[in-house]
């Protein structure tokens, strides 16, 4: 029984370590939308992979992006126009701040 508990502990430690390394290899992205009520959805797109950015009060943040080149697609509410922004060369473990993106009518 004791041997089984030791083996289980080692397996859990291994799984936890793998996930910790994966988290260290991810990047994050931050941006602000102005006017804050103009954006309906914000998407980060890389090839066939896409993620919706959660936001609050015009601030959007995602912390689990894979490194590489991403395109940020902003679906705007009428009468504002949709916008696409390139977020290129996102490096592992780095937070990229795209600053304020102003949506125009």
C-alpha atoms as a PDB file:
ATOM      1  CA  UNK A   1       0.000   0.000   0.000  1.00  0.00           C
ATOM      2  CA  UNK A   2       2.796   2.423   0.874  1.00  0.00           C
ATOM      3  CA  UNK A   3       4.546   1.678  -2.412  1.00  0.00           C
ATOM      4  CA  UNK A   4       1.339   2.517  -4.315  1.00  0.00           C
ATOM      5  CA  UNK A   5       1.041   5.873  -2.527  1.00  0.00           C
ATOM      6  CA  UNK A   6       4.658   6.725  -3.362  1.00  0.00           C
ATOM      7  CA  UNK A   7       4.067   5.851  -7.027  1.00  0.00           C
ATOM      8  CA  UNK A   8       0.863   7.903  -7.117  1.00  0.00           C
ATOM      9  CA  UNK A   9       2.682  10.874  -5.583  1.00  0.00           C
ATOM     10  CA  UNK A  10       5.452  10.629  -8.184  1.00  0.00           C
ATOM     11  CA  UNK A  11       2.929  10.481 -11.027  1.00  0.00           C
ATOM     12  CA  UNK A  12       1.087  13.538  -9.686  1.00  0.00           C
ATOM     13  CA  UNK A  13       4.367  15.413  -9.315  1.00  0.00           C
ATOM     14  CA  UNK A  14       5.282  14.566 -12.913  1.00  0.00           C
ATOM     15  CA  UNK A  15       1.920  15.689 -14.302  1.00  0.00           C
ATOM     16  CA  UNK A  16       2.060  18.927 -12.296  1.00  0.00           C
ATOM     17  CA  UNK A  17       5.573  19.644 -13.569  1.00  0.00           C
ATOM     18  CA  UNK A  18       4.536  19.162 -17.193  1.00  0.00           C
ATOM     19  CA  UNK A  19       1.642  21.607 -16.789  1.00  0.00           C
ATOM     20  CA  UNK A  20       3.863  24.142 -15.011  1.00  0.00           C
ATOM     21  CA  UNK A  21       6.352  24.076 -17.892  1.00  0.00           C
ATOM     22  CA  UNK A  22       3.516  24.554 -20.395  1.00  0.00           C
ATOM     23  CA  UNK A  23       2.261  27.607 -18.488  1.00  0.00           C
ATOM     24  CA  UNK A  24       5.744  29.130 -18.507  1.00  0.00           C
ATOM     25  CA  UNK A  25       5.833  28.760 -22.294  1.00  0.00           C
ATOM     26  CA  UNK A  26       2.567  30.654 -22.864  1.00  0.00           C
ATOM     27  CA  UNK A  27       2.287  34.382 -23.439  1.00  0.00           C
ATOM     28  CA  UNK A  28      -0.300  37.006 -22.604  1.00  0.00           C
ATOM     29  CA  UNK A  29      -1.938  39.848 -24.482  1.00  0.00           C
ATOM     30  CA  UNK A  30      -3.578  43.032 -23.202  1.00  0.00           C
ATOM     31  CA  UNK A  31      -5.463  45.801 -25.016  1.00  0.00           C
ATOM     32  CA  UNK A  32      -7.994  48.570 -24.448  1.00  0.00           C
ATOM     33  CA  UNK A  33     -10.902  49.458 -26.713  1.00  0.00           C
ATOM     34  CA  UNK A  34     -12.146  53.010 -27.074  1.00  0.00           C
ATOM     35  CA  UNK A  35     -15.021  53.773 -26.835  1.00  0.00           C
ATOM     36  CA  UNK A  36     -15.402  50.902 -24.381  1.00  0.00           C
ATOM     37  CA  UNK A  37     -19.009  50.115 -25.351  1.00  0.00           C
ATOM     38  CA  UNK A  38     -18.191  49.830 -29.080  1.00  0.00           C
ATOM     39  CA  UNK A  39     -16.742  46.289 -29.095  1.00  0.00           C
ATOM     40  CA  UNK A  40     -18.988  43.254 -29.196  1.00  0.00           C
ATOM     41  CA  UNK A  41     -16.385  40.441 -29.396  1.00  0.00           C
ATOM     42  CA  UNK A  42     -12.583  40.349 -29.505  1.00  0.00           C
ATOM     43  CA  UNK A  43     -10.886  37.300 -31.047  1.00  0.00           C
ATOM     44  CA  UNK A  44      -7.240  36.239 -31.127  1.00  0.00           C
ATOM     45  CA  UNK A  45      -6.635  34.130 -34.266  1.00  0.00           C
ATOM     46  CA  UNK A  46      -3.573  32.078 -35.223  1.00  0.00           C
ATOM     47  CA  UNK A  47      -4.067  29.753 -38.186  1.00  0.00           C
ATOM     48  CA  UNK A  48      -7.016  27.485 -37.307  1.00  0.00           C
ATOM     49  CA  UNK A  49      -6.758  28.336 -33.595  1.00  0.00           C
ATOM     50  CA  UNK A  50      -8.930  31.113 -32.178  1.00  0.00           C
ATOM     51  CA  UNK A  51      -9.743  32.363 -28.684  1.00  0.00           C
ATOM     52  CA  UNK A  52     -12.242  34.922 -27.464  1.00  0.00           C
ATOM     53  CA  UNK A  53     -10.698  37.551 -25.213  1.00  0.00           C
ATOM     54  CA  UNK A  54     -12.641  38.159 -22.024  1.00  0.00           C
ATOM     55  CA  UNK A  55     -13.036  41.808 -21.153  1.00  0.00           C
ATOM     56  CA  UNK A  56     -14.415  44.238 -18.659  1.00  0.00           C
ATOM     57  CA  UNK A  57     -15.020  47.971 -19.046  1.00  0.00           C
ATOM     58  CA  UNK A  58     -13.090  48.184 -22.332  1.00  0.00           C
ATOM     59  CA  UNK A  59     -10.049  46.256 -21.041  1.00  0.00           C
ATOM     60  CA  UNK A  60      -9.281  42.869 -22.601  1.00  0.00           C
ATOM     61  CA  UNK A  61      -6.701  40.335 -21.415  1.00  0.00           C
ATOM     62  CA  UNK A  62      -5.768  36.742 -22.190  1.00  0.00           C
ATOM     63  CA  UNK A  63      -2.932  34.854 -20.549  1.00  0.00           C
ATOM     64  CA  UNK A  64      -2.783  31.542 -22.408  1.00  0.00           C
ATOM     65  CA  UNK A  65      -1.584  32.413 -25.901  1.00  0.00           C
ATOM     66  CA  UNK A  66       0.918  30.206 -27.642  1.00  0.00           C
ATOM     67  CA  UNK A  67       3.964  32.102 -28.924  1.00  0.00           C
ATOM     68  CA  UNK A  68       3.933  33.177 -32.553  1.00  0.00           C
ATOM     69  CA  UNK A  69       2.043  35.554 -34.826  1.00  0.00           C
ATOM     70  CA  UNK A  70      -1.569  36.345 -33.953  1.00  0.00           C
ATOM     71  CA  UNK A  71      -4.287  38.460 -35.522  1.00  0.00           C
ATOM     72  CA  UNK A  72      -6.663  40.313 -33.214  1.00  0.00           C
ATOM     73  CA  UNK A  73     -10.140  40.662 -34.731  1.00  0.00           C
ATOM     74  CA  UNK A  74     -12.523  43.152 -33.144  1.00  0.00           C
ATOM     75  CA  UNK A  75     -16.220  42.733 -33.929  1.00  0.00           C
ATOM     76  CA  UNK A  76     -17.700  46.188 -33.401  1.00  0.00           C
ATOM     77  CA  UNK A  77     -21.268  47.174 -32.677  1.00  0.00           C
ATOM     78  CA  UNK A  78     -23.032  49.340 -35.239  1.00  0.00           C
ATOM     79  CA  UNK A  79     -22.276  52.120 -36.262  1.00  0.00           C
ATOM     80  CA  UNK A  80     -18.577  51.328 -35.519  1.00  0.00           C
ATOM     81  CA  UNK A  81     -16.370  49.461 -38.005  1.00  0.00           C
ATOM     82  CA  UNK A  82     -14.700  46.082 -37.385  1.00  0.00           C
ATOM     83  CA  UNK A  83     -10.915  46.189 -36.988  1.00  0.00           C
ATOM     84  CA  UNK A  84      -8.089  43.649 -37.372  1.00  0.00           C
ATOM     85  CA  UNK A  85      -4.730  44.219 -35.686  1.00  0.00           C
ATOM     86  CA  UNK A  86      -1.561  42.148 -36.091  1.00  0.00           C
ATOM     87  CA  UNK A  87       0.178  40.943 -32.931  1.00  0.00           C
ATOM     88  CA  UNK A  88       3.377  39.584 -34.410  1.00  0.00           C
ATOM     89  CA  UNK A  89       6.253  37.687 -32.857  1.00  0.00           C
ATOM     90  CA  UNK A  90       4.730  37.041 -29.443  1.00  0.00           C
ATOM     91  CA  UNK A  91       7.500  35.381 -27.431  1.00  0.00           C
ATOM     92  CA  UNK A  92       7.123  32.731 -24.694  1.00  0.00           C
ATOM     93  CA  UNK A  93       6.463  34.099 -21.225  1.00  0.00           C
ATOM     94  CA  UNK A  94       6.068  37.705 -22.414  1.00  0.00           C
ATOM     95  CA  UNK A  95       3.063  39.996 -21.965  1.00  0.00           C
ATOM     96  CA  UNK A  96       2.323  42.096 -25.045  1.00  0.00           C
ATOM     97  CA  UNK A  97       0.367  45.320 -24.509  1.00  0.00           C
ATOM     98  CA  UNK A  98      -1.275  46.523 -27.722  1.00  0.00           C
ATOM     99  CA  UNK A  99      -2.359  49.738 -26.013  1.00  0.00           C
ATOM    100  CA  UNK A 100      -5.563  51.534 -26.914  1.00  0.00           C
ATOM    101  CA  UNK A 101      -7.404  50.661 -30.117  1.00  0.00           C
ATOM    102  CA  UNK A 102      -9.880  53.324 -31.206  1.00  0.00           C
ATOM    103  CA  UNK A 103     -12.893  52.143 -33.153  1.00  0.00           C
ATOM    104  CA  UNK A 104     -14.209  54.560 -35.767  1.00  0.00           C
ATOM    105  CA  UNK A 105     -17.687  55.049 -37.133  1.00  0.00           C
END
